Protein backbone atom coordinates (compact mmCIF):
# COMPACT_ATOMS: atom_id res chain seq x y z
CA ALA A 1 13.56 -6.69 -16.07
CA ASN A 2 14.17 -3.92 -18.59
CA LEU A 3 15.76 -6.37 -21.04
CA ALA A 4 12.65 -8.54 -20.78
CA GLY A 5 10.37 -5.57 -21.43
CA ILE A 6 9.04 -5.47 -17.89
CA LYS A 7 8.14 -2.02 -16.59
CA VAL A 8 10.25 -1.01 -13.59
CA GLY A 9 9.27 1.80 -11.26
CA LEU A 10 10.65 3.32 -8.09
CA VAL A 11 8.25 3.60 -5.16
CA VAL A 12 9.06 5.13 -1.78
CA PRO A 13 8.08 2.30 0.58
CA GLU A 14 7.30 4.55 3.54
CA ASN A 15 3.78 3.89 4.88
CA THR A 16 2.81 1.47 2.10
CA SER A 17 1.56 -1.06 4.68
CA ARG A 18 0.07 1.62 6.95
CA THR A 19 -2.06 3.37 4.33
CA CYS A 20 -5.61 2.11 3.94
CA PRO A 21 -6.22 1.08 0.32
CA ALA A 22 -9.95 1.71 0.81
CA CYS A 23 -9.97 5.24 2.26
CA GLY A 24 -6.35 6.47 2.08
CA VAL A 25 -5.91 7.19 5.80
CA VAL A 26 -2.35 6.68 7.06
CA ASP A 27 -2.19 5.51 10.67
CA GLN A 28 0.54 3.47 12.32
CA ALA A 29 -2.09 2.06 14.70
CA SER A 30 -3.82 0.35 11.74
CA ARG A 31 -0.89 -2.06 11.40
CA ARG A 32 -0.53 -4.76 14.06
CA GLY A 33 1.99 -7.36 12.91
CA ILE A 34 0.61 -9.08 9.82
CA ARG A 35 -2.89 -7.69 10.44
CA PHE A 36 -4.12 -4.39 8.99
CA ARG A 37 -7.36 -2.88 10.26
CA CYS A 38 -8.01 0.74 9.29
CA THR A 39 -8.74 2.91 12.31
CA ALA A 40 -10.87 5.19 10.13
CA CYS A 41 -13.05 2.93 7.96
CA GLY A 42 -12.51 -0.55 9.43
CA HIS A 43 -11.09 -2.10 6.25
CA THR A 44 -9.31 -5.34 7.24
CA GLU A 45 -6.69 -7.20 5.21
CA HIS A 46 -3.28 -8.88 5.51
CA ALA A 47 -0.67 -6.11 5.91
CA ASP A 48 1.46 -7.47 3.04
CA SER A 49 -1.56 -7.32 0.71
CA VAL A 50 -2.17 -3.72 1.77
CA GLY A 51 1.45 -2.84 1.01
CA ALA A 52 1.35 -4.60 -2.36
CA ALA A 53 -1.89 -2.85 -3.33
CA ASN A 54 -0.48 0.54 -2.40
CA ILE A 55 2.76 -0.10 -4.31
CA ALA A 56 0.78 -1.22 -7.38
CA ARG A 57 -1.39 1.89 -7.10
CA ALA A 58 1.71 4.11 -6.85
CA ILE A 59 3.33 2.53 -9.91
CA SER A 60 0.14 2.85 -11.95
CA GLY A 61 -0.14 6.54 -11.06
CA LEU A 62 -3.38 6.16 -9.12
CA ALA A 63 -1.86 6.97 -5.71
CA ALA A 64 -2.28 10.36 -4.08
CA ALA A 65 0.78 12.56 -4.55
């Protein structure tokens, strides 16, 4: 990736598919198999999409520290 000029970043994967991309609440109960439904705000999405969004946010520097 580096040779091709692609940015590479390290992201701690813990809770990436349990953190709501809409409100930021982390709750294990929000993740049921492939389904994510936030227990706080009701945001619903495929769990893999939630994880990908949170990883992208972390790499871009927009994630909470």
